Amino acid sequence: MQTASRTGMDDAGKLLLRATLAILLLFHGAAKIAGGVGFITGMLAKAGLPPALGYLVYVGEVLAPLMILVGVFTRPAALVVAINMVVAVLLVHMGQIFTRNDTGGWALELQAMYLAGALAVALLGAGRYSLGGAAGRFN
């Protein structure tokens, strides 16, 4: 049985994880809003997929992070972010999977951190510091 203070610390940790993941992803979403998704639709067309699917990036990098941030349908939103990251790696970053960056880190460490963070949020849920509350069905 958890004590009230331990539960509060767990919920604070969930809030920190949710907020960090969501805010950092929203920067990418804002860039897509400002610059468009032409790059993504072009990559999809080159891969033989419908270019219109590129507009789903707004769901994965704007809508889902906002839902994660406020804590509404947090688990499904986190899964959308995870899927978005897998698609990003498959479409854009496959050539970097076994490479390092200029500072010696893994070239895909940012993408891996977003994916792992999204999966952690999906597993942990939003916690009580959310609009959906700790007992929310999809939180």
N, C-alpha and C. Protein backbone atom coordinates (compact mmCIF):
# COMPACT_ATOMS: atom_id res chain seq x y z
N MET A 1 0.85 -1.19 0.00
CA MET A 1 0.00 0.00 0.00
C MET A 1 0.89 1.24 0.00
N GLN A 2 0.57 2.17 -0.86
CA GLN A 2 1.37 3.39 -0.95
C GLN A 2 0.89 4.42 0.05
N THR A 3 1.84 5.19 0.55
CA THR A 3 1.46 6.29 1.42
C THR A 3 1.05 7.47 0.57
N ALA A 4 0.37 8.42 1.17
CA ALA A 4 -0.11 9.59 0.43
C ALA A 4 1.06 10.39 -0.13
N SER A 5 2.14 10.53 0.63
CA SER A 5 3.27 11.31 0.13
C SER A 5 3.95 10.61 -1.03
N ARG A 6 4.04 9.27 -0.98
CA ARG A 6 4.65 8.52 -2.08
C ARG A 6 3.81 8.65 -3.34
N THR A 7 2.49 8.55 -3.19
CA THR A 7 1.59 8.70 -4.33
C THR A 7 1.73 10.10 -4.92
N GLY A 8 1.84 11.11 -4.08
CA GLY A 8 2.01 12.48 -4.56
C GLY A 8 3.31 12.65 -5.34
N MET A 9 4.36 12.00 -4.87
CA MET A 9 5.64 12.06 -5.60
C MET A 9 5.53 11.35 -6.94
N ASP A 10 4.85 10.21 -6.98
CA ASP A 10 4.64 9.49 -8.24
C ASP A 10 3.87 10.36 -9.22
N ASP A 11 2.81 11.01 -8.72
CA ASP A 11 2.01 11.87 -9.59
C ASP A 11 2.81 13.08 -10.07
N ALA A 12 3.66 13.62 -9.23
CA ALA A 12 4.51 14.74 -9.65
C ALA A 12 5.50 14.28 -10.73
N GLY A 13 6.02 13.09 -10.58
CA GLY A 13 6.91 12.54 -11.60
C GLY A 13 6.20 12.33 -12.93
N LYS A 14 4.97 11.84 -12.86
CA LYS A 14 4.17 11.66 -14.08
C LYS A 14 3.92 13.00 -14.75
N LEU A 15 3.61 14.02 -13.95
CA LEU A 15 3.39 15.36 -14.51
C LEU A 15 4.64 15.88 -15.18
N LEU A 16 5.78 15.73 -14.53
CA LEU A 16 7.05 16.19 -15.11
C LEU A 16 7.33 15.47 -16.44
N LEU A 17 7.15 14.18 -16.47
CA LEU A 17 7.38 13.41 -17.69
C LEU A 17 6.42 13.84 -18.79
N ARG A 18 5.13 13.96 -18.45
CA ARG A 18 4.13 14.37 -19.44
C ARG A 18 4.44 15.75 -19.99
N ALA A 19 4.71 16.70 -19.09
CA ALA A 19 4.94 18.08 -19.52
C ALA A 19 6.19 18.19 -20.38
N THR A 20 7.25 17.51 -19.99
CA THR A 20 8.49 17.58 -20.76
C THR A 20 8.29 16.99 -22.16
N LEU A 21 7.71 15.81 -22.23
CA LEU A 21 7.46 15.17 -23.53
C LEU A 21 6.58 16.06 -24.40
N ALA A 22 5.49 16.54 -23.84
CA ALA A 22 4.53 17.32 -24.62
C ALA A 22 5.11 18.65 -25.10
N ILE A 23 5.76 19.38 -24.21
CA ILE A 23 6.29 20.70 -24.59
C ILE A 23 7.38 20.57 -25.64
N LEU A 24 8.28 19.61 -25.47
CA LEU A 24 9.34 19.45 -26.47
C LEU A 24 8.79 19.02 -27.82
N LEU A 25 7.77 18.17 -27.83
CA LEU A 25 7.16 17.77 -29.10
C LEU A 25 6.40 18.92 -29.74
N LEU A 26 5.82 19.78 -28.92
CA LEU A 26 5.07 20.91 -29.47
C LEU A 26 5.96 21.86 -30.27
N PHE A 27 7.24 21.94 -29.93
CA PHE A 27 8.15 22.74 -30.75
C PHE A 27 8.22 22.19 -32.18
N HIS A 28 8.25 20.86 -32.30
CA HIS A 28 8.26 20.24 -33.62
C HIS A 28 6.93 20.48 -34.34
N GLY A 29 5.85 20.39 -33.59
CA GLY A 29 4.53 20.66 -34.18
C GLY A 29 4.40 22.09 -34.64
N ALA A 30 4.91 23.03 -33.85
CA ALA A 30 4.85 24.45 -34.24
C ALA A 30 5.66 24.68 -35.52
N ALA A 31 6.78 24.00 -35.64
CA ALA A 31 7.59 24.13 -36.86
C ALA A 31 6.83 23.60 -38.07
N LYS A 32 6.07 22.52 -37.87
CA LYS A 32 5.27 21.97 -38.97
C LYS A 32 4.13 22.93 -39.33
N ILE A 33 3.54 23.56 -38.32
CA ILE A 33 2.48 24.53 -38.60
C ILE A 33 3.05 25.72 -39.38
N ALA A 34 4.20 26.21 -38.96
CA ALA A 34 4.81 27.37 -39.61
C ALA A 34 5.34 27.05 -41.00
N GLY A 35 5.96 25.89 -41.15
CA GLY A 35 6.63 25.57 -42.41
C GLY A 35 5.89 24.61 -43.31
N GLY A 36 4.81 24.05 -42.83
CA GLY A 36 4.05 23.09 -43.62
C GLY A 36 4.63 21.69 -43.53
N VAL A 37 3.94 20.77 -44.19
CA VAL A 37 4.34 19.37 -44.15
C VAL A 37 4.79 18.86 -45.52
N GLY A 38 5.19 19.77 -46.38
CA GLY A 38 5.64 19.39 -47.73
C GLY A 38 6.75 18.36 -47.72
N PHE A 39 7.68 18.53 -46.81
CA PHE A 39 8.79 17.58 -46.70
C PHE A 39 8.26 16.18 -46.40
N ILE A 40 7.30 16.10 -45.49
CA ILE A 40 6.76 14.81 -45.09
C ILE A 40 5.90 14.20 -46.21
N THR A 41 5.05 15.01 -46.83
CA THR A 41 4.21 14.48 -47.91
C THR A 41 5.07 14.00 -49.07
N GLY A 42 6.18 14.71 -49.32
CA GLY A 42 7.11 14.28 -50.36
C GLY A 42 7.76 12.94 -50.04
N MET A 43 8.15 12.76 -48.79
CA MET A 43 8.77 11.48 -48.38
C MET A 43 7.76 10.34 -48.49
N LEU A 44 6.52 10.61 -48.11
CA LEU A 44 5.48 9.58 -48.22
C LEU A 44 5.23 9.20 -49.67
N ALA A 45 5.15 10.19 -50.54
CA ALA A 45 4.95 9.91 -51.96
C ALA A 45 6.11 9.10 -52.53
N LYS A 46 7.32 9.45 -52.14
CA LYS A 46 8.51 8.73 -52.58
C LYS A 46 8.48 7.27 -52.11
N ALA A 47 7.89 7.04 -50.94
CA ALA A 47 7.79 5.69 -50.39
C ALA A 47 6.57 4.93 -50.94
N GLY A 48 5.81 5.57 -51.85
CA GLY A 48 4.65 4.92 -52.44
C GLY A 48 3.40 4.98 -51.59
N LEU A 49 3.40 5.87 -50.61
CA LEU A 49 2.23 6.03 -49.73
C LEU A 49 1.47 7.30 -50.09
N PRO A 50 0.20 7.38 -49.72
CA PRO A 50 -0.59 8.59 -50.02
C PRO A 50 0.01 9.81 -49.32
N PRO A 51 0.36 10.84 -50.07
CA PRO A 51 0.94 12.03 -49.46
C PRO A 51 0.04 12.67 -48.40
N ALA A 52 -1.27 12.52 -48.53
CA ALA A 52 -2.20 13.12 -47.57
C ALA A 52 -1.96 12.60 -46.15
N LEU A 53 -1.36 11.43 -46.02
CA LEU A 53 -1.05 10.90 -44.68
C LEU A 53 -0.10 11.82 -43.92
N GLY A 54 0.65 12.64 -44.64
CA GLY A 54 1.59 13.56 -44.00
C GLY A 54 0.91 14.53 -43.06
N TYR A 55 -0.35 14.81 -43.31
CA TYR A 55 -1.06 15.75 -42.44
C TYR A 55 -1.35 15.15 -41.06
N LEU A 56 -1.20 13.85 -40.93
CA LEU A 56 -1.37 13.22 -39.61
C LEU A 56 -0.28 13.64 -38.64
N VAL A 57 0.80 14.22 -39.16
CA VAL A 57 1.85 14.69 -38.27
C VAL A 57 1.31 15.76 -37.33
N TYR A 58 0.29 16.48 -37.76
CA TYR A 58 -0.32 17.47 -36.87
C TYR A 58 -1.00 16.80 -35.68
N VAL A 59 -1.53 15.61 -35.89
CA VAL A 59 -2.12 14.85 -34.78
C VAL A 59 -1.02 14.40 -33.83
N GLY A 60 0.08 13.87 -34.39
CA GLY A 60 1.16 13.33 -33.57
C GLY A 60 2.05 14.35 -32.91
N GLU A 61 2.12 15.56 -33.49
CA GLU A 61 3.04 16.56 -32.94
C GLU A 61 2.35 17.81 -32.40
N VAL A 62 1.04 17.88 -32.52
CA VAL A 62 0.30 19.03 -31.96
C VAL A 62 -0.84 18.53 -31.06
N LEU A 63 -1.80 17.84 -31.65
CA LEU A 63 -2.98 17.43 -30.88
C LEU A 63 -2.62 16.46 -29.75
N ALA A 64 -1.93 15.39 -30.06
CA ALA A 64 -1.59 14.39 -29.03
C ALA A 64 -0.73 15.00 -27.92
N PRO A 65 0.31 15.81 -28.23
CA PRO A 65 1.06 16.43 -27.13
C PRO A 65 0.22 17.35 -26.26
N LEU A 66 -0.73 18.08 -26.86
CA LEU A 66 -1.61 18.92 -26.06
C LEU A 66 -2.47 18.08 -25.13
N MET A 67 -2.95 16.95 -25.62
CA MET A 67 -3.75 16.05 -24.79
C MET A 67 -2.90 15.47 -23.65
N ILE A 68 -1.65 15.13 -23.95
CA ILE A 68 -0.74 14.62 -22.93
C ILE A 68 -0.47 15.70 -21.90
N LEU A 69 -0.24 16.90 -22.35
CA LEU A 69 0.09 18.00 -21.45
C LEU A 69 -1.01 18.26 -20.44
N VAL A 70 -2.25 18.30 -20.90
CA VAL A 70 -3.35 18.60 -19.98
C VAL A 70 -3.88 17.35 -19.29
N GLY A 71 -3.54 16.18 -19.81
CA GLY A 71 -3.95 14.95 -19.17
C GLY A 71 -5.35 14.51 -19.51
N VAL A 72 -5.69 14.51 -20.79
CA VAL A 72 -6.98 14.05 -21.26
C VAL A 72 -6.72 12.96 -22.31
N PHE A 73 -7.30 11.79 -22.12
CA PHE A 73 -7.02 10.64 -22.99
C PHE A 73 -5.52 10.47 -23.17
N THR A 74 -4.83 10.52 -22.06
CA THR A 74 -3.37 10.55 -22.04
C THR A 74 -2.75 9.29 -22.64
N ARG A 75 -3.23 8.15 -22.25
CA ARG A 75 -2.64 6.90 -22.75
C ARG A 75 -2.79 6.75 -24.26
N PRO A 76 -3.99 6.95 -24.83
CA PRO A 76 -4.09 6.86 -26.29
C PRO A 76 -3.26 7.94 -27.00
N ALA A 77 -3.21 9.13 -26.44
CA ALA A 77 -2.42 10.20 -27.05
C ALA A 77 -0.94 9.83 -27.05
N ALA A 78 -0.48 9.23 -25.96
CA ALA A 78 0.92 8.81 -25.89
C ALA A 78 1.22 7.72 -26.92
N LEU A 79 0.26 6.84 -27.15
CA LEU A 79 0.46 5.80 -28.18
C LEU A 79 0.50 6.42 -29.57
N VAL A 80 -0.27 7.47 -29.80
CA VAL A 80 -0.20 8.19 -31.08
C VAL A 80 1.20 8.78 -31.27
N VAL A 81 1.75 9.37 -30.22
CA VAL A 81 3.11 9.93 -30.29
C VAL A 81 4.11 8.82 -30.57
N ALA A 82 3.97 7.68 -29.92
CA ALA A 82 4.89 6.57 -30.15
C ALA A 82 4.83 6.10 -31.61
N ILE A 83 3.63 5.97 -32.14
CA ILE A 83 3.48 5.58 -33.55
C ILE A 83 4.09 6.63 -34.46
N ASN A 84 3.87 7.89 -34.14
CA ASN A 84 4.44 9.00 -34.91
C ASN A 84 5.96 8.89 -34.96
N MET A 85 6.57 8.54 -33.83
CA MET A 85 8.02 8.43 -33.77
C MET A 85 8.53 7.24 -34.58
N VAL A 86 7.83 6.12 -34.53
CA VAL A 86 8.22 4.96 -35.32
C VAL A 86 8.15 5.30 -36.81
N VAL A 87 7.08 5.96 -37.23
CA VAL A 87 6.95 6.36 -38.63
C VAL A 87 8.06 7.33 -39.02
N ALA A 88 8.38 8.28 -38.15
CA ALA A 88 9.45 9.24 -38.43
C ALA A 88 10.78 8.52 -38.64
N VAL A 89 11.06 7.55 -37.79
CA VAL A 89 12.32 6.80 -37.94
C VAL A 89 12.31 6.02 -39.25
N LEU A 90 11.20 5.35 -39.56
CA LEU A 90 11.13 4.55 -40.77
C LEU A 90 11.24 5.40 -42.04
N LEU A 91 10.62 6.58 -42.02
CA LEU A 91 10.62 7.42 -43.21
C LEU A 91 11.88 8.26 -43.39
N VAL A 92 12.40 8.78 -42.28
CA VAL A 92 13.45 9.80 -42.38
C VAL A 92 14.80 9.34 -41.85
N HIS A 93 14.80 8.50 -40.83
CA HIS A 93 16.04 8.25 -40.10
C HIS A 93 16.61 6.84 -40.21
N MET A 94 16.10 6.03 -41.12
CA MET A 94 16.58 4.64 -41.21
C MET A 94 18.09 4.56 -41.44
N GLY A 95 18.62 5.47 -42.21
CA GLY A 95 20.05 5.45 -42.50
C GLY A 95 20.92 5.82 -41.31
N GLN A 96 20.31 6.29 -40.24
CA GLN A 96 21.06 6.71 -39.06
C GLN A 96 21.00 5.72 -37.91
N ILE A 97 20.32 4.61 -38.08
CA ILE A 97 20.10 3.69 -36.96
C ILE A 97 21.40 3.22 -36.32
N PHE A 98 22.40 2.95 -37.11
CA PHE A 98 23.65 2.44 -36.57
C PHE A 98 24.78 3.47 -36.62
N THR A 99 24.41 4.76 -36.51
CA THR A 99 25.43 5.80 -36.59
C THR A 99 25.45 6.62 -35.30
N ARG A 100 26.55 7.34 -35.15
CA ARG A 100 26.70 8.25 -34.01
C ARG A 100 26.69 9.68 -34.52
N ASN A 101 26.37 10.60 -33.61
CA ASN A 101 26.38 12.01 -33.99
C ASN A 101 27.77 12.60 -33.77
N ASP A 102 27.91 13.89 -34.00
CA ASP A 102 29.21 14.56 -33.90
C ASP A 102 29.81 14.53 -32.50
N THR A 103 28.97 14.39 -31.49
CA THR A 103 29.49 14.38 -30.12
C THR A 103 29.64 12.97 -29.55
N GLY A 104 29.45 11.96 -30.37
CA GLY A 104 29.65 10.58 -29.96
C GLY A 104 28.41 9.86 -29.51
N GLY A 105 27.30 10.56 -29.41
CA GLY A 105 26.04 9.92 -29.01
C GLY A 105 25.40 9.22 -30.19
N TRP A 106 24.36 8.47 -29.90
CA TRP A 106 23.61 7.79 -30.95
C TRP A 106 22.88 8.84 -31.79
N ALA A 107 22.92 8.72 -33.08
CA ALA A 107 22.28 9.69 -33.97
C ALA A 107 20.77 9.79 -33.74
N LEU A 108 20.17 8.75 -33.24
CA LEU A 108 18.72 8.75 -33.03
C LEU A 108 18.33 8.86 -31.56
N GLU A 109 19.21 9.43 -30.75
CA GLU A 109 18.90 9.49 -29.33
C GLU A 109 17.67 10.34 -29.03
N LEU A 110 17.46 11.42 -29.77
CA LEU A 110 16.28 12.26 -29.55
C LEU A 110 15.01 11.49 -29.90
N GLN A 111 15.01 10.83 -31.04
CA GLN A 111 13.85 10.06 -31.45
C GLN A 111 13.59 8.91 -30.46
N ALA A 112 14.67 8.27 -29.99
CA ALA A 112 14.53 7.19 -29.02
C ALA A 112 13.96 7.71 -27.70
N MET A 113 14.39 8.89 -27.29
CA MET A 113 13.89 9.45 -26.03
C MET A 113 12.41 9.82 -26.15
N TYR A 114 12.01 10.39 -27.29
CA TYR A 114 10.60 10.68 -27.49
C TYR A 114 9.78 9.39 -27.49
N LEU A 115 10.26 8.36 -28.17
CA LEU A 115 9.55 7.09 -28.22
C LEU A 115 9.46 6.47 -26.83
N ALA A 116 10.56 6.40 -26.13
CA ALA A 116 10.56 5.82 -24.78
C ALA A 116 9.70 6.64 -23.82
N GLY A 117 9.77 7.96 -23.92
CA GLY A 117 8.95 8.81 -23.06
C GLY A 117 7.47 8.61 -23.33
N ALA A 118 7.11 8.50 -24.61
CA ALA A 118 5.71 8.27 -24.96
C ALA A 118 5.23 6.91 -24.45
N LEU A 119 6.06 5.89 -24.59
CA LEU A 119 5.69 4.57 -24.08
C LEU A 119 5.57 4.57 -22.56
N ALA A 120 6.46 5.30 -21.89
CA ALA A 120 6.38 5.40 -20.43
C ALA A 120 5.08 6.08 -20.01
N VAL A 121 4.71 7.16 -20.68
CA VAL A 121 3.45 7.85 -20.36
C VAL A 121 2.27 6.93 -20.63
N ALA A 122 2.32 6.17 -21.72
CA ALA A 122 1.23 5.24 -22.03
C ALA A 122 1.10 4.18 -20.94
N LEU A 123 2.22 3.73 -20.40
CA LEU A 123 2.19 2.71 -19.35
C LEU A 123 1.80 3.27 -17.99
N LEU A 124 2.31 4.46 -17.67
CA LEU A 124 2.09 5.05 -16.35
C LEU A 124 0.76 5.78 -16.21
N GLY A 125 0.29 6.36 -17.28
CA GLY A 125 -0.91 7.18 -17.22
C GLY A 125 -0.59 8.59 -16.78
N ALA A 126 -1.61 9.41 -16.67
CA ALA A 126 -1.43 10.83 -16.40
C ALA A 126 -1.20 11.15 -14.93
N GLY A 127 -1.76 10.37 -14.05
CA GLY A 127 -1.68 10.71 -12.63
C GLY A 127 -2.77 11.70 -12.25
N ARG A 128 -2.76 12.08 -10.98
CA ARG A 128 -3.86 12.93 -10.49
C ARG A 128 -3.72 14.38 -10.91
N TYR A 129 -2.53 14.82 -11.29
CA TYR A 129 -2.36 16.21 -11.73
C TYR A 129 -2.67 16.32 -13.22
N SER A 130 -3.92 16.09 -13.56
CA SER A 130 -4.36 16.11 -14.94
C SER A 130 -5.84 16.42 -14.98
N LEU A 131 -6.32 16.88 -16.12
CA LEU A 131 -7.75 17.17 -16.24
C LEU A 131 -8.57 15.88 -16.13
N GLY A 132 -8.02 14.79 -16.61
CA GLY A 132 -8.75 13.52 -16.54
C GLY A 132 -8.70 12.89 -15.16
N GLY A 133 -7.76 13.31 -14.33
CA GLY A 133 -7.63 12.76 -12.99
C GLY A 133 -7.04 11.36 -13.00
N ALA A 134 -6.58 10.93 -11.87
CA ALA A 134 -5.92 9.62 -11.76
C ALA A 134 -6.86 8.48 -12.09
N ALA A 135 -8.15 8.67 -11.83
CA ALA A 135 -9.12 7.60 -12.08
C ALA A 135 -9.75 7.69 -13.46
N GLY A 136 -9.31 8.63 -14.27
CA GLY A 136 -9.86 8.76 -15.62
C GLY A 136 -9.65 7.48 -16.40
N ARG A 137 -10.64 7.08 -17.16
CA ARG A 137 -10.63 5.80 -17.84
C ARG A 137 -9.42 5.61 -18.74
N PHE A 138 -9.03 6.62 -19.48
CA PHE A 138 -7.89 6.50 -20.41
C PHE A 138 -6.69 7.30 -19.94
N ASN A 139 -6.65 7.60 -18.66
CA ASN A 139 -5.53 8.34 -18.11
C ASN A 139 -4.66 7.42 -17.27
